[in-house]
Amino acid sequence: QVQLVESGGGLVQAGGSLRLSCGASGRTFSSYAVGWFRQAPGNARAFVAGITSSGTTTYYSDSVKGRFTISRDNAKNSVYLQMNSLKPEDTAVYYCAAGLAIGSYYYSYENSYKYDYWGQGTQVTVSS
């Protein structure tokens, strides 16, 4: 069993930065791949970024590539999403998710059904 808790969301002006954190309980968190997703009002939940269990490989959606960076610290049971050059269209609730059998391909990481555990989400609002 893994419990995930997101933090770090808030209100920021366009062009600004935020760092989201995903803290996990459970000794086996280092075995889980992790993804960040977001959901804006009226939209489906969308993949943002993913990272393998070891942290050696990362994946990004085209909409955030070059602006967002995902990382993890398994010693601290945490995954981070550094968001720079934020745009109003980045406004959404951001969720982290963990899965044991995600695999090694981008299309696996963007598939929300591959994940076993989800956090409750944190709101990010970017003003223009």
N, C-alpha and C. Protein backbone atom coordinates (compact mmCIF):
# COMPACT_ATOMS: atom_id res chain seq x y z
N GLN A 1 0.84 -1.19 0.00
CA GLN A 1 0.00 0.00 0.00
C GLN A 1 0.88 1.24 0.00
N VAL A 2 0.55 2.18 -0.86
CA VAL A 2 1.29 3.44 -0.95
C VAL A 2 0.28 4.58 -0.85
N GLN A 3 0.57 5.54 -0.01
CA GLN A 3 -0.25 6.75 0.07
C GLN A 3 0.57 7.92 -0.45
N LEU A 4 -0.05 8.73 -1.27
CA LEU A 4 0.63 9.85 -1.91
C LEU A 4 -0.02 11.16 -1.48
N VAL A 5 0.80 12.15 -1.19
CA VAL A 5 0.30 13.46 -0.80
C VAL A 5 1.05 14.53 -1.58
N GLU A 6 0.32 15.32 -2.36
CA GLU A 6 0.93 16.39 -3.13
C GLU A 6 0.93 17.68 -2.31
N SER A 7 1.91 18.53 -2.58
CA SER A 7 1.97 19.84 -1.96
C SER A 7 2.74 20.78 -2.89
N GLY A 8 2.66 22.07 -2.58
CA GLY A 8 3.42 23.05 -3.33
C GLY A 8 2.63 23.86 -4.35
N GLY A 9 1.36 23.52 -4.51
CA GLY A 9 0.55 24.29 -5.44
C GLY A 9 0.27 25.69 -4.91
N GLY A 10 -0.29 26.52 -5.78
CA GLY A 10 -0.62 27.88 -5.38
C GLY A 10 -0.91 28.76 -6.57
N LEU A 11 -0.93 30.06 -6.29
CA LEU A 11 -1.20 31.06 -7.32
C LEU A 11 0.12 31.73 -7.71
N VAL A 12 0.37 31.81 -9.01
CA VAL A 12 1.60 32.41 -9.50
C VAL A 12 1.30 33.16 -10.78
N GLN A 13 2.07 34.20 -11.04
CA GLN A 13 1.90 34.95 -12.28
C GLN A 13 2.54 34.22 -13.45
N ALA A 14 2.04 34.48 -14.63
CA ALA A 14 2.63 33.90 -15.83
C ALA A 14 4.12 34.23 -15.90
N GLY A 15 4.90 33.22 -16.26
CA GLY A 15 6.34 33.37 -16.30
C GLY A 15 7.03 32.95 -15.01
N GLY A 16 6.24 32.74 -13.98
CA GLY A 16 6.80 32.36 -12.70
C GLY A 16 7.06 30.87 -12.58
N SER A 17 7.45 30.45 -11.38
CA SER A 17 7.82 29.06 -11.13
C SER A 17 7.14 28.54 -9.87
N LEU A 18 6.93 27.24 -9.86
CA LEU A 18 6.46 26.52 -8.68
C LEU A 18 7.14 25.17 -8.65
N ARG A 19 7.28 24.63 -7.45
CA ARG A 19 7.82 23.29 -7.29
C ARG A 19 6.81 22.44 -6.53
N LEU A 20 6.29 21.45 -7.19
CA LEU A 20 5.36 20.53 -6.55
C LEU A 20 6.14 19.36 -5.95
N SER A 21 5.64 18.89 -4.82
CA SER A 21 6.21 17.71 -4.18
C SER A 21 5.14 16.63 -4.05
N CYS A 22 5.58 15.41 -4.14
CA CYS A 22 4.71 14.25 -3.93
C CYS A 22 5.40 13.38 -2.89
N GLY A 23 4.87 13.38 -1.68
CA GLY A 23 5.42 12.57 -0.63
C GLY A 23 4.68 11.24 -0.53
N ALA A 24 5.43 10.18 -0.29
CA ALA A 24 4.83 8.85 -0.27
C ALA A 24 5.12 8.12 1.03
N SER A 25 4.16 7.34 1.45
CA SER A 25 4.37 6.43 2.57
C SER A 25 4.66 5.05 2.00
N GLY A 26 5.24 4.19 2.79
CA GLY A 26 5.51 2.84 2.30
C GLY A 26 6.98 2.64 1.98
N ARG A 27 7.51 1.51 2.45
CA ARG A 27 8.94 1.25 2.28
C ARG A 27 9.31 0.90 0.86
N THR A 28 8.33 0.50 0.03
CA THR A 28 8.64 0.03 -1.31
C THR A 28 8.46 1.10 -2.37
N PHE A 29 8.37 2.37 -1.95
CA PHE A 29 8.12 3.44 -2.92
C PHE A 29 9.18 3.49 -4.00
N SER A 30 10.40 3.13 -3.66
CA SER A 30 11.49 3.17 -4.64
C SER A 30 11.29 2.17 -5.77
N SER A 31 10.34 1.25 -5.61
CA SER A 31 10.04 0.28 -6.66
C SER A 31 9.02 0.80 -7.67
N TYR A 32 8.40 1.93 -7.36
CA TYR A 32 7.31 2.45 -8.16
C TYR A 32 7.77 3.53 -9.13
N ALA A 33 7.29 3.42 -10.36
CA ALA A 33 7.39 4.55 -11.28
C ALA A 33 6.33 5.57 -10.88
N VAL A 34 6.58 6.81 -11.20
CA VAL A 34 5.68 7.89 -10.79
C VAL A 34 5.36 8.80 -11.98
N GLY A 35 4.13 9.21 -12.03
CA GLY A 35 3.72 10.16 -13.04
C GLY A 35 3.02 11.35 -12.42
N TRP A 36 3.12 12.48 -13.07
CA TRP A 36 2.33 13.67 -12.73
C TRP A 36 1.29 13.86 -13.83
N PHE A 37 0.06 14.10 -13.40
CA PHE A 37 -1.03 14.38 -14.31
C PHE A 37 -1.68 15.69 -13.88
N ARG A 38 -2.47 16.27 -14.76
CA ARG A 38 -3.21 17.46 -14.40
C ARG A 38 -4.59 17.43 -15.02
N GLN A 39 -5.50 18.13 -14.36
CA GLN A 39 -6.87 18.19 -14.86
C GLN A 39 -7.41 19.59 -14.66
N ALA A 40 -7.73 20.22 -15.77
CA ALA A 40 -8.35 21.54 -15.75
C ALA A 40 -9.87 21.37 -15.81
N PRO A 41 -10.62 22.35 -15.33
CA PRO A 41 -12.09 22.23 -15.35
C PRO A 41 -12.61 21.95 -16.75
N GLY A 42 -13.46 20.93 -16.85
CA GLY A 42 -14.05 20.58 -18.13
C GLY A 42 -13.16 19.75 -19.03
N ASN A 43 -11.95 19.46 -18.58
CA ASN A 43 -11.02 18.68 -19.40
C ASN A 43 -10.75 17.32 -18.76
N ALA A 44 -10.30 16.40 -19.58
CA ALA A 44 -9.89 15.10 -19.06
C ALA A 44 -8.54 15.22 -18.36
N ARG A 45 -8.26 14.27 -17.51
CA ARG A 45 -6.96 14.24 -16.84
C ARG A 45 -5.89 13.95 -17.89
N ALA A 46 -4.79 14.71 -17.85
CA ALA A 46 -3.76 14.62 -18.88
C ALA A 46 -2.39 14.37 -18.27
N PHE A 47 -1.61 13.57 -18.95
CA PHE A 47 -0.25 13.28 -18.51
C PHE A 47 0.63 14.51 -18.65
N VAL A 48 1.48 14.70 -17.65
CA VAL A 48 2.42 15.82 -17.67
C VAL A 48 3.86 15.32 -17.75
N ALA A 49 4.23 14.45 -16.80
CA ALA A 49 5.61 13.97 -16.75
C ALA A 49 5.64 12.65 -16.00
N GLY A 50 6.68 11.85 -16.28
CA GLY A 50 6.83 10.58 -15.60
C GLY A 50 8.30 10.29 -15.34
N ILE A 51 8.55 9.43 -14.37
CA ILE A 51 9.92 9.08 -14.01
C ILE A 51 9.96 7.63 -13.59
N THR A 52 11.00 6.93 -14.02
CA THR A 52 11.14 5.53 -13.66
C THR A 52 11.46 5.37 -12.17
N SER A 53 11.36 4.15 -11.67
CA SER A 53 11.58 3.91 -10.24
C SER A 53 12.98 4.33 -9.80
N SER A 54 13.95 4.12 -10.64
CA SER A 54 15.33 4.48 -10.30
C SER A 54 15.62 5.96 -10.52
N GLY A 55 14.76 6.62 -11.29
CA GLY A 55 14.97 8.03 -11.59
C GLY A 55 15.87 8.28 -12.78
N THR A 56 16.27 7.22 -13.47
CA THR A 56 17.23 7.40 -14.55
C THR A 56 16.59 7.85 -15.85
N THR A 57 15.29 7.62 -16.01
CA THR A 57 14.62 8.00 -17.25
C THR A 57 13.38 8.83 -16.93
N THR A 58 13.20 9.89 -17.71
CA THR A 58 12.05 10.77 -17.52
C THR A 58 11.30 10.94 -18.84
N TYR A 59 10.02 11.27 -18.72
CA TYR A 59 9.15 11.45 -19.87
C TYR A 59 8.34 12.72 -19.67
N TYR A 60 8.09 13.45 -20.75
CA TYR A 60 7.35 14.70 -20.67
C TYR A 60 6.35 14.80 -21.83
N SER A 61 5.23 15.41 -21.53
CA SER A 61 4.32 15.75 -22.61
C SER A 61 4.90 16.91 -23.40
N ASP A 62 4.49 17.03 -24.63
CA ASP A 62 5.02 18.10 -25.48
C ASP A 62 4.70 19.48 -24.92
N SER A 63 3.58 19.58 -24.22
CA SER A 63 3.14 20.89 -23.72
C SER A 63 4.02 21.43 -22.60
N VAL A 64 4.80 20.57 -21.94
CA VAL A 64 5.63 21.03 -20.82
C VAL A 64 7.12 20.80 -21.05
N LYS A 65 7.45 20.11 -22.11
CA LYS A 65 8.85 19.79 -22.36
C LYS A 65 9.69 21.06 -22.45
N GLY A 66 10.80 21.07 -21.74
CA GLY A 66 11.67 22.24 -21.72
C GLY A 66 11.33 23.25 -20.63
N ARG A 67 10.16 23.12 -20.03
CA ARG A 67 9.74 24.03 -18.95
C ARG A 67 9.63 23.32 -17.61
N PHE A 68 9.22 22.07 -17.61
CA PHE A 68 9.03 21.31 -16.37
C PHE A 68 10.13 20.25 -16.25
N THR A 69 10.49 19.95 -15.00
CA THR A 69 11.47 18.91 -14.73
C THR A 69 10.96 18.02 -13.60
N ILE A 70 10.92 16.73 -13.85
CA ILE A 70 10.54 15.77 -12.82
C ILE A 70 11.79 15.14 -12.25
N SER A 71 11.79 14.93 -10.95
CA SER A 71 12.92 14.29 -10.29
C SER A 71 12.41 13.53 -9.07
N ARG A 72 13.26 12.73 -8.49
CA ARG A 72 12.85 11.99 -7.30
C ARG A 72 14.03 11.79 -6.37
N ASP A 73 13.70 11.62 -5.10
CA ASP A 73 14.67 11.31 -4.06
C ASP A 73 14.11 10.12 -3.31
N ASN A 74 14.54 8.93 -3.65
CA ASN A 74 13.98 7.73 -3.04
C ASN A 74 14.32 7.63 -1.55
N ALA A 75 15.41 8.23 -1.14
CA ALA A 75 15.76 8.23 0.29
C ALA A 75 14.73 9.01 1.10
N LYS A 76 14.09 9.97 0.43
CA LYS A 76 13.08 10.79 1.11
C LYS A 76 11.66 10.41 0.68
N ASN A 77 11.54 9.33 -0.09
CA ASN A 77 10.21 8.90 -0.56
C ASN A 77 9.45 10.05 -1.23
N SER A 78 10.15 10.78 -2.08
CA SER A 78 9.53 11.97 -2.67
C SER A 78 9.84 12.08 -4.15
N VAL A 79 8.88 12.65 -4.86
CA VAL A 79 9.03 13.01 -6.26
C VAL A 79 8.67 14.47 -6.40
N TYR A 80 9.37 15.16 -7.29
CA TYR A 80 9.18 16.60 -7.43
C TYR A 80 8.85 16.96 -8.88
N LEU A 81 8.16 18.06 -9.03
CA LEU A 81 7.91 18.61 -10.36
C LEU A 81 8.24 20.09 -10.32
N GLN A 82 9.38 20.43 -10.90
CA GLN A 82 9.78 21.83 -10.99
C GLN A 82 9.14 22.42 -12.24
N MET A 83 8.35 23.46 -12.05
CA MET A 83 7.62 24.07 -13.15
C MET A 83 8.10 25.49 -13.35
N ASN A 84 8.70 25.76 -14.48
CA ASN A 84 9.20 27.09 -14.82
C ASN A 84 8.44 27.65 -16.01
N SER A 85 8.58 28.95 -16.20
CA SER A 85 7.93 29.63 -17.33
C SER A 85 6.46 29.25 -17.42
N LEU A 86 5.78 29.34 -16.31
CA LEU A 86 4.39 28.91 -16.25
C LEU A 86 3.49 29.79 -17.11
N LYS A 87 2.48 29.16 -17.68
CA LYS A 87 1.52 29.84 -18.56
C LYS A 87 0.12 29.68 -17.98
N PRO A 88 -0.79 30.57 -18.31
CA PRO A 88 -2.17 30.42 -17.81
C PRO A 88 -2.77 29.06 -18.16
N GLU A 89 -2.40 28.49 -19.28
CA GLU A 89 -2.93 27.18 -19.67
C GLU A 89 -2.38 26.03 -18.82
N ASP A 90 -1.43 26.31 -17.95
CA ASP A 90 -0.96 25.29 -17.01
C ASP A 90 -1.86 25.20 -15.78
N THR A 91 -2.81 26.10 -15.68
CA THR A 91 -3.73 26.09 -14.54
C THR A 91 -4.54 24.79 -14.51
N ALA A 92 -4.47 24.09 -13.39
CA ALA A 92 -5.14 22.79 -13.25
C ALA A 92 -4.90 22.27 -11.84
N VAL A 93 -5.60 21.19 -11.52
CA VAL A 93 -5.26 20.40 -10.34
C VAL A 93 -4.22 19.38 -10.78
N TYR A 94 -3.12 19.32 -10.05
CA TYR A 94 -2.02 18.42 -10.39
C TYR A 94 -2.04 17.23 -9.44
N TYR A 95 -1.92 16.05 -10.02
CA TYR A 95 -1.94 14.80 -9.27
C TYR A 95 -0.65 14.02 -9.51
N CYS A 96 -0.15 13.38 -8.46
CA CYS A 96 0.90 12.41 -8.68
C CYS A 96 0.30 11.01 -8.54
N ALA A 97 0.91 10.09 -9.24
CA ALA A 97 0.42 8.71 -9.25
C ALA A 97 1.61 7.77 -9.29
N ALA A 98 1.45 6.60 -8.69
CA ALA A 98 2.53 5.63 -8.64
C ALA A 98 2.04 4.28 -9.17
N GLY A 99 2.92 3.60 -9.87
CA GLY A 99 2.57 2.29 -10.42
C GLY A 99 3.77 1.37 -10.46
N LEU A 100 3.50 0.08 -10.26
CA LEU A 100 4.58 -0.91 -10.26
C LEU A 100 4.92 -1.42 -11.65
N ALA A 101 3.92 -1.48 -12.52
CA ALA A 101 4.11 -2.13 -13.82
C ALA A 101 3.88 -1.15 -14.96
N ILE A 102 4.57 -0.01 -14.90
CA ILE A 102 4.37 1.00 -15.94
C ILE A 102 5.10 0.62 -17.21
N GLY A 103 6.27 0.03 -17.08
CA GLY A 103 7.04 -0.32 -18.25
C GLY A 103 8.06 0.73 -18.60
N SER A 104 8.50 0.74 -19.85
CA SER A 104 9.61 1.60 -20.26
C SER A 104 9.30 2.44 -21.48
N TYR A 105 8.03 2.67 -21.73
CA TYR A 105 7.68 3.44 -22.92
C TYR A 105 6.83 4.63 -22.54
N TYR A 106 6.97 5.71 -23.32
CA TYR A 106 6.22 6.93 -23.06
C TYR A 106 4.72 6.66 -23.02
N TYR A 107 4.22 5.88 -23.97
CA TYR A 107 2.77 5.66 -24.03
C TYR A 107 2.25 4.94 -22.80
N SER A 108 3.11 4.20 -22.11
CA SER A 108 2.71 3.57 -20.86
C SER A 108 2.58 4.59 -19.75
N TYR A 109 3.51 5.52 -19.69
CA TYR A 109 3.48 6.52 -18.63
C TYR A 109 2.29 7.46 -18.78
N GLU A 110 1.85 7.73 -20.00
CA GLU A 110 0.74 8.66 -20.18
C GLU A 110 -0.62 7.99 -19.99
N ASN A 111 -0.63 6.69 -19.78
CA ASN A 111 -1.87 5.95 -19.60
C ASN A 111 -2.22 5.90 -18.11
N SER A 112 -3.24 6.65 -17.71
CA SER A 112 -3.58 6.75 -16.29
C SER A 112 -4.00 5.40 -15.70
N TYR A 113 -4.47 4.48 -16.52
CA TYR A 113 -4.92 3.19 -16.01
C TYR A 113 -3.76 2.30 -15.57
N LYS A 114 -2.55 2.67 -15.92
CA LYS A 114 -1.38 1.89 -15.54
C LYS A 114 -0.99 2.11 -14.07
N TYR A 115 -1.53 3.17 -13.46
CA TYR A 115 -1.10 3.56 -12.13
C TYR A 115 -1.97 2.92 -11.05
N ASP A 116 -1.34 2.57 -9.95
CA ASP A 116 -2.03 1.88 -8.87
C ASP A 116 -2.54 2.81 -7.76
N TYR A 117 -1.81 3.90 -7.55
CA TYR A 117 -2.14 4.79 -6.44
C TYR A 117 -2.12 6.24 -6.92
N TRP A 118 -3.00 7.04 -6.34
CA TRP A 118 -3.13 8.45 -6.69
C TRP A 118 -3.19 9.30 -5.44
N GLY A 119 -2.64 10.51 -5.56
CA GLY A 119 -2.80 11.49 -4.50
C GLY A 119 -4.09 12.25 -4.67
N GLN A 120 -4.33 13.19 -3.76
CA GLN A 120 -5.58 13.93 -3.75
C GLN A 120 -5.55 15.17 -4.65
N GLY A 121 -4.37 15.55 -5.07
CA GLY A 121 -4.22 16.68 -5.98
C GLY A 121 -3.88 17.98 -5.28
N THR A 122 -3.23 18.88 -6.01
CA THR A 122 -2.92 20.22 -5.52
C THR A 122 -3.20 21.21 -6.64
N GLN A 123 -3.83 22.32 -6.28
CA GLN A 123 -4.26 23.30 -7.28
C GLN A 123 -3.10 24.21 -7.67
N VAL A 124 -2.93 24.38 -8.96
CA VAL A 124 -1.98 25.35 -9.50
C VAL A 124 -2.78 26.34 -10.35
N THR A 125 -2.63 27.61 -10.04
CA THR A 125 -3.33 28.66 -10.79
C THR A 125 -2.30 29.66 -11.29
N VAL A 126 -2.30 29.88 -12.59
CA VAL A 126 -1.36 30.80 -13.21
C VAL A 126 -2.16 31.97 -13.78
N SER A 127 -1.89 33.15 -13.26
CA SER A 127 -2.61 34.34 -13.71
C SER A 127 -1.86 35.02 -14.85
N SER A 128 -2.63 35.64 -15.74
CA SER A 128 -2.00 36.30 -16.90
C SER A 128 -1.67 37.74 -16.59
